N, C-alpha and C. Protein backbone atom coordinates (compact mmCIF):
# COMPACT_ATOMS: atom_id res chain seq x y z
N VAL A 1 -13.19 5.56 -0.20
CA VAL A 1 -13.90 6.76 -0.39
C VAL A 1 -13.21 7.49 0.11
N PRO A 2 -12.97 8.85 -0.73
CA PRO A 2 -11.98 9.67 -0.55
C PRO A 2 -13.00 10.93 0.27
N VAL A 3 -12.29 11.59 1.26
CA VAL A 3 -12.82 12.80 2.20
C VAL A 3 -12.03 14.06 1.70
N THR A 4 -12.54 15.14 1.88
CA THR A 4 -11.87 16.50 1.57
C THR A 4 -11.27 16.81 2.56
N THR A 5 -10.30 17.19 2.32
CA THR A 5 -9.71 18.27 3.41
C THR A 5 -8.71 19.39 2.89
N GLY A 6 -9.35 20.29 2.93
CA GLY A 6 -8.78 21.86 2.08
C GLY A 6 -8.82 21.34 0.58
N ARG A 7 -7.91 21.31 -0.14
CA ARG A 7 -7.95 21.17 -1.66
C ARG A 7 -7.83 19.86 -1.98
N ALA A 8 -7.15 19.06 -1.30
CA ALA A 8 -6.65 17.84 -1.37
C ALA A 8 -7.51 16.66 -1.09
N LEU A 9 -7.56 15.53 -2.12
CA LEU A 9 -8.54 14.41 -1.40
C LEU A 9 -7.49 13.37 -0.88
N ARG A 10 -8.06 12.94 0.62
CA ARG A 10 -7.11 12.14 1.02
C ARG A 10 -8.05 10.89 1.54
N PRO A 11 -7.87 9.62 0.90
CA PRO A 11 -8.54 8.36 1.27
C PRO A 11 -8.55 8.13 2.57
N VAL A 12 -9.66 7.71 3.08
CA VAL A 12 -9.96 7.26 4.77
C VAL A 12 -9.22 6.19 4.68
N ALA A 13 -9.09 4.96 3.84
CA ALA A 13 -8.58 3.86 4.15
C ALA A 13 -6.87 4.10 4.52
N LEU A 14 -6.42 5.42 4.04
CA LEU A 14 -4.68 5.55 4.24
C LEU A 14 -4.80 6.05 5.52
N ARG A 15 -5.74 6.32 6.40
CA ARG A 15 -5.60 6.77 7.94
C ARG A 15 -4.65 5.84 8.44
N ASP A 16 -4.75 4.64 8.52
CA ASP A 16 -3.94 4.07 9.39
C ASP A 16 -3.91 2.20 8.43
N GLU A 17 -3.02 1.45 9.30
CA GLU A 17 -2.50 0.31 8.51
C GLU A 17 -3.78 -0.66 8.51
N ARG A 18 -4.40 -0.59 9.70
CA ARG A 18 -5.68 -1.77 9.91
C ARG A 18 -6.78 -1.41 8.88
N SER A 19 -7.03 -0.19 8.55
CA SER A 19 -8.01 0.17 7.56
C SER A 19 -7.58 -0.22 6.10
N LEU A 20 -6.10 -0.40 6.01
CA LEU A 20 -5.69 -0.75 4.65
C LEU A 20 -5.98 -2.41 4.57
N ARG A 21 -5.77 -3.00 5.47
CA ARG A 21 -5.79 -4.35 5.71
C ARG A 21 -7.25 -5.03 5.35
N ALA A 22 -8.08 -4.27 5.52
CA ALA A 22 -9.35 -4.58 5.68
C ALA A 22 -9.81 -4.74 3.97
N LEU A 23 -9.11 -3.98 3.10
CA LEU A 23 -9.50 -3.86 1.74
C LEU A 23 -8.95 -5.25 0.79
N ASP A 24 -9.67 -5.45 -0.09
CA ASP A 24 -9.35 -6.37 -1.25
C ASP A 24 -8.43 -5.96 -1.69
N PRO A 25 -7.96 -6.67 -2.58
CA PRO A 25 -6.65 -6.25 -3.82
C PRO A 25 -7.06 -5.08 -4.51
N THR A 26 -8.02 -5.09 -5.21
CA THR A 26 -8.64 -4.05 -5.98
C THR A 26 -8.51 -2.90 -5.16
N GLY A 27 -9.33 -2.84 -4.05
CA GLY A 27 -9.28 -1.27 -3.30
C GLY A 27 -7.78 -0.95 -2.78
N VAL A 28 -7.01 -1.82 -2.58
CA VAL A 28 -5.54 -1.09 -2.47
C VAL A 28 -5.11 -0.63 -3.47
N ALA A 29 -5.28 -1.29 -4.56
CA ALA A 29 -4.55 -0.67 -6.26
C ALA A 29 -5.43 0.58 -6.27
N ARG A 30 -6.47 0.44 -6.28
CA ARG A 30 -7.10 1.88 -6.53
C ARG A 30 -6.46 3.06 -5.78
N LEU A 31 -6.10 2.76 -4.47
CA LEU A 31 -5.66 3.92 -3.60
C LEU A 31 -4.24 4.07 -3.80
N ILE A 32 -3.40 2.91 -4.12
CA ILE A 32 -1.69 3.36 -4.29
C ILE A 32 -1.41 2.64 -5.39
N GLY A 33 -2.16 2.31 -6.26
CA GLY A 33 -1.64 1.65 -7.55
C GLY A 33 -1.17 0.29 -7.76
N GLN A 34 -0.81 -0.32 -9.05
CA GLN A 34 -0.28 -1.31 -8.89
C GLN A 34 0.82 -1.50 -8.39
N PRO A 35 1.12 -2.82 -7.95
CA PRO A 35 2.52 -2.98 -7.15
C PRO A 35 3.86 -2.87 -8.43
N THR A 36 4.87 -2.59 -8.05
CA THR A 36 5.98 -2.57 -8.78
C THR A 36 6.56 -3.96 -9.18
N PHE A 37 6.22 -4.71 -8.24
CA PHE A 37 6.95 -6.17 -8.60
C PHE A 37 5.73 -7.01 -7.49
N VAL A 38 5.83 -8.38 -8.15
CA VAL A 38 4.80 -9.29 -7.66
C VAL A 38 5.48 -10.47 -7.54
N ARG A 39 5.19 -11.34 -6.31
CA ARG A 39 6.24 -12.48 -6.49
C ARG A 39 5.16 -13.34 -5.59
N GLN A 40 5.14 -14.99 -5.78
CA GLN A 40 4.78 -15.92 -4.89
C GLN A 40 5.65 -16.30 -3.76
N ASP A 41 5.27 -16.33 -2.58
CA ASP A 41 6.43 -17.03 -1.76
C ASP A 41 5.58 -17.74 -0.48
N GLY A 42 6.01 -19.01 -0.83
CA GLY A 42 5.32 -20.06 -0.27
C GLY A 42 3.54 -19.80 -0.15
N GLY A 43 2.50 -19.84 0.57
CA GLY A 43 1.51 -19.75 0.30
C GLY A 43 0.82 -18.12 0.20
N ALA A 44 1.94 -17.19 0.01
CA ALA A 44 1.77 -15.70 0.21
C ALA A 44 1.90 -15.24 -1.28
N THR A 45 1.33 -14.19 -1.62
CA THR A 45 1.32 -13.68 -2.82
C THR A 45 1.96 -12.29 -2.13
N VAL A 46 3.21 -11.94 -2.62
CA VAL A 46 3.74 -10.65 -2.38
C VAL A 46 3.64 -9.45 -3.12
N TRP A 47 3.22 -8.13 -2.68
CA TRP A 47 2.93 -7.00 -3.59
C TRP A 47 3.98 -5.92 -3.28
N GLN A 48 4.99 -5.49 -3.94
CA GLN A 48 6.00 -4.64 -3.68
C GLN A 48 5.87 -3.41 -4.50
N TYR A 49 5.70 -2.26 -3.43
CA TYR A 49 5.66 -0.91 -3.95
C TYR A 49 7.35 -0.12 -3.58
N THR A 50 7.43 0.48 -4.91
CA THR A 50 8.57 1.50 -4.55
C THR A 50 8.04 2.80 -4.61
N ALA A 51 8.59 3.67 -3.34
CA ALA A 51 8.13 4.99 -3.34
C ALA A 51 9.61 5.79 -3.41
N ARG A 52 9.55 6.92 -3.22
CA ARG A 52 10.84 7.74 -3.20
C ARG A 52 11.76 7.35 -2.17
N THR A 53 11.23 7.29 -1.05
CA THR A 53 12.24 7.11 0.27
C THR A 53 11.82 5.58 0.97
N CYS A 54 10.71 4.68 0.44
CA CYS A 54 10.73 3.82 1.23
C CYS A 54 10.05 2.55 0.18
N ILE A 55 10.29 1.26 0.47
CA ILE A 55 9.87 0.07 -0.12
C ILE A 55 8.80 -0.50 0.92
N MET A 56 7.69 -1.02 0.40
CA MET A 56 6.59 -1.59 1.36
C MET A 56 5.89 -3.00 0.62
N ASP A 57 6.06 -3.88 1.56
CA ASP A 57 5.72 -5.04 0.88
C ASP A 57 4.20 -5.42 1.51
N LEU A 58 3.28 -5.92 0.67
CA LEU A 58 2.14 -6.58 1.32
C LEU A 58 1.95 -8.13 0.80
N PHE A 59 1.82 -8.71 1.92
CA PHE A 59 1.61 -10.15 1.70
C PHE A 59 0.24 -10.58 2.00
N TRP A 60 -0.30 -11.13 0.90
CA TRP A 60 -1.76 -11.40 0.76
C TRP A 60 -1.73 -12.83 0.72
N TYR A 61 -2.66 -13.45 1.50
CA TYR A 61 -3.09 -15.07 1.69
C TYR A 61 -4.55 -15.44 1.16
N ARG A 62 -4.50 -16.59 0.73
CA ARG A 62 -5.96 -16.99 0.46
C ARG A 62 -6.66 -17.24 1.63
N SER A 63 -8.00 -16.81 1.68
CA SER A 63 -8.92 -17.20 2.56
C SER A 63 -10.51 -17.45 2.29
N ASP A 64 -11.45 -17.52 3.11
CA ASP A 64 -12.77 -18.23 2.62
C ASP A 64 -13.39 -17.16 1.75
N ILE A 65 -12.95 -15.86 1.86
CA ILE A 65 -13.66 -14.63 1.25
C ILE A 65 -12.68 -14.02 0.35
N GLY A 66 -11.74 -14.63 -0.10
CA GLY A 66 -10.73 -14.13 -1.03
C GLY A 66 -9.58 -13.67 -0.42
N PRO A 67 -8.84 -13.07 -1.17
CA PRO A 67 -7.19 -12.68 -0.77
C PRO A 67 -7.57 -11.82 0.26
N ALA A 68 -6.75 -12.02 1.47
CA ALA A 68 -6.63 -11.28 2.85
C ALA A 68 -5.23 -10.69 3.33
N LEU A 69 -5.25 -9.46 3.23
CA LEU A 69 -3.76 -8.88 3.45
C LEU A 69 -3.85 -9.14 4.78
N VAL A 70 -2.68 -9.95 5.47
CA VAL A 70 -2.32 -10.58 6.80
C VAL A 70 -1.16 -9.86 7.06
N HIS A 71 0.02 -9.26 6.29
CA HIS A 71 1.25 -8.48 6.84
C HIS A 71 1.54 -7.49 6.16
N MET A 72 2.02 -6.54 6.72
CA MET A 72 2.65 -5.52 5.66
C MET A 72 4.02 -5.06 6.34
N GLU A 73 4.97 -4.62 5.72
CA GLU A 73 6.37 -4.23 5.78
C GLU A 73 6.74 -3.17 4.80
N ALA A 74 7.42 -1.98 6.04
CA ALA A 74 7.82 -0.85 4.97
C ALA A 74 9.22 -0.63 5.47
N ARG A 75 10.08 -0.40 4.75
CA ARG A 75 11.49 -0.12 4.66
C ARG A 75 12.34 1.04 3.95
N ASN A 76 12.95 1.71 4.64
CA ASN A 76 13.97 2.55 3.96
C ASN A 76 14.45 2.17 2.73
N ILE A 77 14.17 2.88 1.96
CA ILE A 77 15.20 2.69 0.52
C ILE A 77 16.39 2.38 0.08
N HIS A 78 17.28 3.35 1.08
CA HIS A 78 18.51 3.56 1.10
C HIS A 78 19.35 2.65 2.27
N SER A 79 18.46 1.48 3.17
CA SER A 79 18.95 0.84 4.15
C SER A 79 17.86 -0.18 4.06
N PRO A 80 18.52 -1.22 5.05
CA PRO A 80 17.99 -2.21 5.70
C PRO A 80 16.47 -2.09 6.77
N ARG A 81 16.72 -0.78 7.24
CA ARG A 81 16.15 -0.26 8.49
C ARG A 81 14.63 -0.08 8.05
N ALA A 82 13.76 -0.47 9.08
CA ALA A 82 12.34 -0.33 8.90
C ALA A 82 12.06 1.12 8.60
N ALA A 83 11.22 1.65 7.93
CA ALA A 83 10.46 2.55 7.56
C ALA A 83 9.04 2.77 8.40
N ASP A 84 8.68 3.97 8.51
CA ASP A 84 7.73 4.35 9.37
C ASP A 84 6.40 4.24 8.39
N MET A 85 5.48 3.08 8.59
CA MET A 85 4.55 2.47 7.63
C MET A 85 3.50 3.67 7.32
N GLN A 86 3.02 4.38 7.87
CA GLN A 86 2.23 5.68 7.94
C GLN A 86 2.60 6.57 6.80
N ASP A 87 4.07 7.07 7.01
CA ASP A 87 4.65 7.78 6.12
C ASP A 87 4.93 7.18 4.85
N CYS A 88 5.15 5.78 4.80
CA CYS A 88 5.30 5.23 3.48
C CYS A 88 4.13 5.20 2.45
N LEU A 89 3.01 4.78 3.43
CA LEU A 89 1.73 4.91 3.02
C LEU A 89 1.02 6.12 2.33
N ASP A 90 1.43 7.24 3.15
CA ASP A 90 1.16 8.52 2.48
C ASP A 90 2.11 8.86 1.28
N GLU A 91 3.24 8.52 1.25
CA GLU A 91 4.36 8.73 0.00
C GLU A 91 3.63 8.08 -1.24
N LEU A 92 3.48 6.75 -0.96
CA LEU A 92 2.57 6.10 -2.04
C LEU A 92 1.43 6.56 -2.64
N TRP A 93 0.47 6.87 -1.71
CA TRP A 93 -0.74 7.62 -2.02
C TRP A 93 -0.47 8.94 -3.14
N LYS A 94 0.50 9.58 -2.22
CA LYS A 94 0.74 10.92 -3.31
C LYS A 94 1.30 10.46 -4.63
N GLN A 95 2.52 9.50 -4.59
CA GLN A 95 2.68 9.02 -5.91
C GLN A 95 1.85 8.84 -6.82
N HIS A 96 0.87 7.70 -6.36
CA HIS A 96 -0.19 7.18 -7.25
C HIS A 96 -0.98 8.46 -7.66
N THR A 97 -1.44 9.47 -6.97
CA THR A 97 -2.24 10.54 -7.09
C THR A 97 -1.57 10.96 -8.31
N VAL A 98 -0.27 11.57 -8.14
CA VAL A 98 0.30 12.47 -9.42
C VAL A 98 0.25 11.53 -10.44
N GLU A 99 0.57 10.39 -10.52
CA GLU A 99 0.64 9.34 -11.84
C GLU A 99 -0.68 9.25 -12.34
N ALA A 100 -1.73 9.15 -11.80
CA ALA A 100 -2.89 9.33 -12.05
C ALA A 100 -3.56 10.59 -12.63
N GLU A 101 -3.05 11.75 -11.99
CA GLU A 101 -3.32 12.67 -12.97
C GLU A 101 -2.57 13.08 -14.11
N SER A 102 -1.57 12.47 -14.40
CA SER A 102 -0.48 12.74 -15.65
C SER A 102 -1.06 12.03 -17.07
C-alpha cells in the first residue's frame, strides 16, 4: 500500500526490513520487481537483486502458510562488505519504479 510523501509514492512496506519480511513473494515483487537471479540452496529459494551500488539476497523457506522470507543480506556491489539494508531497499524500490514507468 503506497503512501504519498510530497510528489513521490513510497511503499509503507519498505520503511524497514521487518515489514518486508511480512510480505509474500508476490508482494515483494510488486515493490522491488522480479529478482535478477533465482537459485535453490538447500531448503531455501534465494532471490538475488542487483542495484547500482548493492546486491541483496532474500532467502525464502517453505512454511505452513506458504513461502516465508526468513533471512536477508545486502552487500556492496564493488566489495564483499555488508551494505546498509535500508539504503539497498530504497535503491531497489527507486530502480523498480523507474523501470515500471518506462
